[in-house]
Amino acid sequence: MNTEINRITWKCRRGMREIDLLLREFSKTTLNTLDEYSIDTFDQVLDYDDQKLFDYMFKNESLGNEIHEDFIDEYLKKFHKQGNF
């Protein structure tokens, strides 16, 4: 599992500053606490390009995948609103 966590942590490095800061801080503080299903979902969310993630996070433009949107709403948006990054 550590290899998987390391791979996902590396995948959090992004070109868009806002997304990069959010994902890297989330991975440092929260990734190890997630269950296997949530880790897999997070890995899938990381397959979106930065602009698509930004548009969903900050403009509420649909990703077209309810599971991914639910994950982002439950974890990433909440993480951002709590001022954790």
N, C-alpha and C. Protein backbone atom coordinates (compact mmCIF):
# COMPACT_ATOMS: atom_id res chain seq x y z
N MET A 1 0.81 -1.20 0.00
CA MET A 1 0.00 0.00 0.00
C MET A 1 0.86 1.27 0.00
N ASN A 2 2.03 1.23 0.65
CA ASN A 2 2.90 2.40 0.66
C ASN A 2 3.33 2.81 -0.73
N THR A 3 3.59 1.85 -1.59
CA THR A 3 3.96 2.14 -2.97
C THR A 3 2.82 2.87 -3.68
N GLU A 4 1.61 2.42 -3.43
CA GLU A 4 0.42 3.05 -4.02
C GLU A 4 0.26 4.48 -3.51
N ILE A 5 0.41 4.68 -2.22
CA ILE A 5 0.31 6.02 -1.62
C ILE A 5 1.38 6.93 -2.20
N ASN A 6 2.59 6.44 -2.33
CA ASN A 6 3.67 7.24 -2.91
C ASN A 6 3.37 7.62 -4.35
N ARG A 7 2.83 6.69 -5.12
CA ARG A 7 2.49 6.97 -6.52
C ARG A 7 1.41 8.05 -6.60
N ILE A 8 0.40 7.93 -5.76
CA ILE A 8 -0.70 8.90 -5.76
C ILE A 8 -0.19 10.26 -5.28
N THR A 9 0.66 10.27 -4.27
CA THR A 9 1.22 11.53 -3.78
C THR A 9 1.99 12.24 -4.89
N TRP A 10 2.75 11.49 -5.65
CA TRP A 10 3.49 12.07 -6.77
C TRP A 10 2.53 12.62 -7.82
N LYS A 11 1.42 11.93 -8.03
CA LYS A 11 0.41 12.32 -9.01
C LYS A 11 -0.28 13.64 -8.60
N CYS A 12 -0.19 14.02 -7.34
CA CYS A 12 -0.80 15.25 -6.85
C CYS A 12 -0.05 16.50 -7.30
N ARG A 13 1.17 16.34 -7.76
CA ARG A 13 1.94 17.48 -8.24
C ARG A 13 1.34 17.95 -9.55
N ARG A 14 0.89 19.19 -9.58
CA ARG A 14 0.14 19.69 -10.72
C ARG A 14 0.75 20.97 -11.26
N GLY A 15 0.31 21.36 -12.44
CA GLY A 15 0.79 22.59 -13.07
C GLY A 15 0.06 23.83 -12.60
N MET A 16 -1.19 23.70 -12.20
CA MET A 16 -1.98 24.85 -11.74
C MET A 16 -1.76 25.01 -10.23
N ARG A 17 -1.28 26.16 -9.85
CA ARG A 17 -0.88 26.41 -8.46
C ARG A 17 -1.98 26.09 -7.44
N GLU A 18 -3.20 26.57 -7.69
CA GLU A 18 -4.29 26.36 -6.74
C GLU A 18 -4.57 24.88 -6.52
N ILE A 19 -4.59 24.13 -7.61
CA ILE A 19 -4.86 22.70 -7.54
C ILE A 19 -3.68 21.97 -6.91
N ASP A 20 -2.48 22.35 -7.28
CA ASP A 20 -1.27 21.74 -6.74
C ASP A 20 -1.22 21.88 -5.21
N LEU A 21 -1.44 23.08 -4.71
CA LEU A 21 -1.39 23.31 -3.26
C LEU A 21 -2.45 22.48 -2.54
N LEU A 22 -3.65 22.48 -3.06
CA LEU A 22 -4.74 21.75 -2.43
C LEU A 22 -4.46 20.25 -2.40
N LEU A 23 -4.11 19.69 -3.55
CA LEU A 23 -3.91 18.24 -3.64
C LEU A 23 -2.71 17.77 -2.84
N ARG A 24 -1.63 18.51 -2.89
CA ARG A 24 -0.43 18.08 -2.15
C ARG A 24 -0.65 18.16 -0.64
N GLU A 25 -1.32 19.22 -0.18
CA GLU A 25 -1.58 19.32 1.26
C GLU A 25 -2.57 18.23 1.70
N PHE A 26 -3.59 17.98 0.89
CA PHE A 26 -4.55 16.92 1.19
C PHE A 26 -3.83 15.57 1.27
N SER A 27 -2.95 15.32 0.33
CA SER A 27 -2.25 14.03 0.33
C SER A 27 -1.34 13.89 1.56
N LYS A 28 -0.72 14.99 1.99
CA LYS A 28 0.16 14.93 3.17
C LYS A 28 -0.61 14.70 4.45
N THR A 29 -1.79 15.30 4.57
CA THR A 29 -2.50 15.27 5.84
C THR A 29 -3.62 14.22 5.92
N THR A 30 -4.17 13.81 4.79
CA THR A 30 -5.39 13.01 4.83
C THR A 30 -5.31 11.68 4.09
N LEU A 31 -4.49 11.58 3.09
CA LEU A 31 -4.47 10.39 2.22
C LEU A 31 -4.30 9.10 3.01
N ASN A 32 -3.43 9.09 4.00
CA ASN A 32 -3.18 7.86 4.78
C ASN A 32 -4.36 7.45 5.65
N THR A 33 -5.33 8.33 5.84
CA THR A 33 -6.49 8.01 6.67
C THR A 33 -7.66 7.44 5.87
N LEU A 34 -7.56 7.49 4.54
CA LEU A 34 -8.65 7.03 3.69
C LEU A 34 -8.69 5.52 3.58
N ASP A 35 -9.88 4.96 3.37
CA ASP A 35 -9.99 3.53 3.11
C ASP A 35 -9.60 3.25 1.65
N GLU A 36 -9.47 1.99 1.33
CA GLU A 36 -8.98 1.60 0.01
C GLU A 36 -9.88 2.10 -1.12
N TYR A 37 -11.20 2.05 -0.92
CA TYR A 37 -12.13 2.53 -1.94
C TYR A 37 -11.94 4.04 -2.19
N SER A 38 -11.79 4.81 -1.12
CA SER A 38 -11.60 6.25 -1.26
C SER A 38 -10.26 6.58 -1.89
N ILE A 39 -9.24 5.82 -1.57
CA ILE A 39 -7.93 6.03 -2.20
C ILE A 39 -8.03 5.78 -3.69
N ASP A 40 -8.72 4.72 -4.07
CA ASP A 40 -8.91 4.42 -5.49
C ASP A 40 -9.70 5.54 -6.18
N THR A 41 -10.73 6.04 -5.52
CA THR A 41 -11.53 7.13 -6.09
C THR A 41 -10.68 8.39 -6.24
N PHE A 42 -9.88 8.70 -5.24
CA PHE A 42 -8.98 9.86 -5.31
C PHE A 42 -8.01 9.70 -6.47
N ASP A 43 -7.48 8.52 -6.65
CA ASP A 43 -6.58 8.24 -7.76
C ASP A 43 -7.28 8.53 -9.10
N GLN A 44 -8.53 8.15 -9.22
CA GLN A 44 -9.30 8.41 -10.44
C GLN A 44 -9.55 9.90 -10.62
N VAL A 45 -9.83 10.60 -9.53
CA VAL A 45 -10.04 12.06 -9.61
C VAL A 45 -8.79 12.74 -10.13
N LEU A 46 -7.63 12.23 -9.75
CA LEU A 46 -6.36 12.83 -10.20
C LEU A 46 -6.11 12.67 -11.70
N ASP A 47 -6.92 11.85 -12.36
CA ASP A 47 -6.78 11.69 -13.81
C ASP A 47 -7.38 12.86 -14.59
N TYR A 48 -8.18 13.69 -13.93
CA TYR A 48 -8.72 14.87 -14.60
C TYR A 48 -7.62 15.91 -14.77
N ASP A 49 -7.73 16.70 -15.84
CA ASP A 49 -6.74 17.76 -16.00
C ASP A 49 -7.04 18.88 -15.01
N ASP A 50 -6.06 19.72 -14.79
CA ASP A 50 -6.15 20.77 -13.78
C ASP A 50 -7.34 21.70 -14.01
N GLN A 51 -7.56 22.10 -15.25
CA GLN A 51 -8.64 23.04 -15.53
C GLN A 51 -10.00 22.45 -15.20
N LYS A 52 -10.19 21.17 -15.53
CA LYS A 52 -11.46 20.50 -15.23
C LYS A 52 -11.69 20.45 -13.71
N LEU A 53 -10.65 20.11 -12.96
CA LEU A 53 -10.76 20.08 -11.49
C LEU A 53 -11.03 21.48 -10.93
N PHE A 54 -10.33 22.47 -11.45
CA PHE A 54 -10.53 23.85 -11.00
C PHE A 54 -11.97 24.29 -11.27
N ASP A 55 -12.45 24.01 -12.47
CA ASP A 55 -13.81 24.41 -12.83
C ASP A 55 -14.86 23.75 -11.94
N TYR A 56 -14.63 22.51 -11.56
CA TYR A 56 -15.59 21.87 -10.66
C TYR A 56 -15.46 22.43 -9.24
N MET A 57 -14.25 22.54 -8.76
CA MET A 57 -14.01 22.99 -7.38
C MET A 57 -14.49 24.41 -7.14
N PHE A 58 -14.21 25.30 -8.08
CA PHE A 58 -14.43 26.71 -7.82
C PHE A 58 -15.56 27.34 -8.65
N LYS A 59 -16.02 26.64 -9.69
CA LYS A 59 -17.10 27.17 -10.52
C LYS A 59 -18.31 26.24 -10.58
N ASN A 60 -18.21 25.11 -9.89
CA ASN A 60 -19.29 24.11 -9.84
C ASN A 60 -19.72 23.60 -11.22
N GLU A 61 -18.77 23.49 -12.15
CA GLU A 61 -19.05 22.91 -13.46
C GLU A 61 -18.88 21.40 -13.37
N SER A 62 -19.89 20.68 -13.76
CA SER A 62 -19.94 19.22 -13.58
C SER A 62 -18.77 18.50 -14.24
N LEU A 63 -18.32 17.44 -13.58
CA LEU A 63 -17.30 16.55 -14.15
C LEU A 63 -17.96 15.45 -14.98
N GLY A 64 -19.26 15.27 -14.78
CA GLY A 64 -19.97 14.20 -15.47
C GLY A 64 -19.84 12.85 -14.79
N ASN A 65 -19.33 12.83 -13.57
CA ASN A 65 -19.18 11.59 -12.82
C ASN A 65 -19.57 11.88 -11.36
N GLU A 66 -20.71 11.38 -10.96
CA GLU A 66 -21.24 11.67 -9.63
C GLU A 66 -20.35 11.15 -8.50
N ILE A 67 -19.74 9.99 -8.70
CA ILE A 67 -18.86 9.43 -7.67
C ILE A 67 -17.67 10.35 -7.43
N HIS A 68 -17.07 10.83 -8.49
CA HIS A 68 -15.92 11.74 -8.36
C HIS A 68 -16.34 13.07 -7.76
N GLU A 69 -17.49 13.57 -8.19
CA GLU A 69 -17.99 14.83 -7.63
C GLU A 69 -18.29 14.69 -6.14
N ASP A 70 -18.89 13.56 -5.75
CA ASP A 70 -19.17 13.32 -4.33
C ASP A 70 -17.89 13.27 -3.51
N PHE A 71 -16.85 12.62 -4.05
CA PHE A 71 -15.57 12.55 -3.35
C PHE A 71 -15.00 13.96 -3.16
N ILE A 72 -14.99 14.73 -4.23
CA ILE A 72 -14.45 16.09 -4.16
C ILE A 72 -15.25 16.93 -3.16
N ASP A 73 -16.58 16.80 -3.19
CA ASP A 73 -17.42 17.56 -2.26
C ASP A 73 -17.14 17.16 -0.81
N GLU A 74 -17.04 15.86 -0.59
CA GLU A 74 -16.86 15.36 0.77
C GLU A 74 -15.47 15.64 1.33
N TYR A 75 -14.46 15.52 0.50
CA TYR A 75 -13.09 15.64 1.00
C TYR A 75 -12.39 16.93 0.59
N LEU A 76 -12.27 17.18 -0.69
CA LEU A 76 -11.44 18.29 -1.15
C LEU A 76 -12.06 19.66 -0.92
N LYS A 77 -13.35 19.80 -1.23
CA LYS A 77 -13.98 21.10 -1.00
C LYS A 77 -14.04 21.40 0.50
N LYS A 78 -14.37 20.40 1.28
CA LYS A 78 -14.43 20.57 2.74
C LYS A 78 -13.04 20.91 3.28
N PHE A 79 -12.03 20.23 2.76
CA PHE A 79 -10.65 20.47 3.16
C PHE A 79 -10.26 21.92 2.84
N HIS A 80 -10.65 22.38 1.67
CA HIS A 80 -10.35 23.74 1.25
C HIS A 80 -11.09 24.76 2.12
N LYS A 81 -12.37 24.52 2.38
CA LYS A 81 -13.18 25.47 3.17
C LYS A 81 -12.70 25.56 4.61
N GLN A 82 -12.12 24.50 5.12
CA GLN A 82 -11.62 24.52 6.49
C GLN A 82 -10.30 25.28 6.60
N GLY A 83 -9.80 25.72 5.46
CA GLY A 83 -8.56 26.50 5.46
C GLY A 83 -7.33 25.66 5.69
N ASN A 84 -7.40 24.39 5.29
CA ASN A 84 -6.27 23.50 5.51
C ASN A 84 -5.16 23.67 4.48
N PHE A 85 -5.36 24.56 3.56
CA PHE A 85 -4.25 24.87 2.63
C PHE A 85 -4.31 26.31 2.27
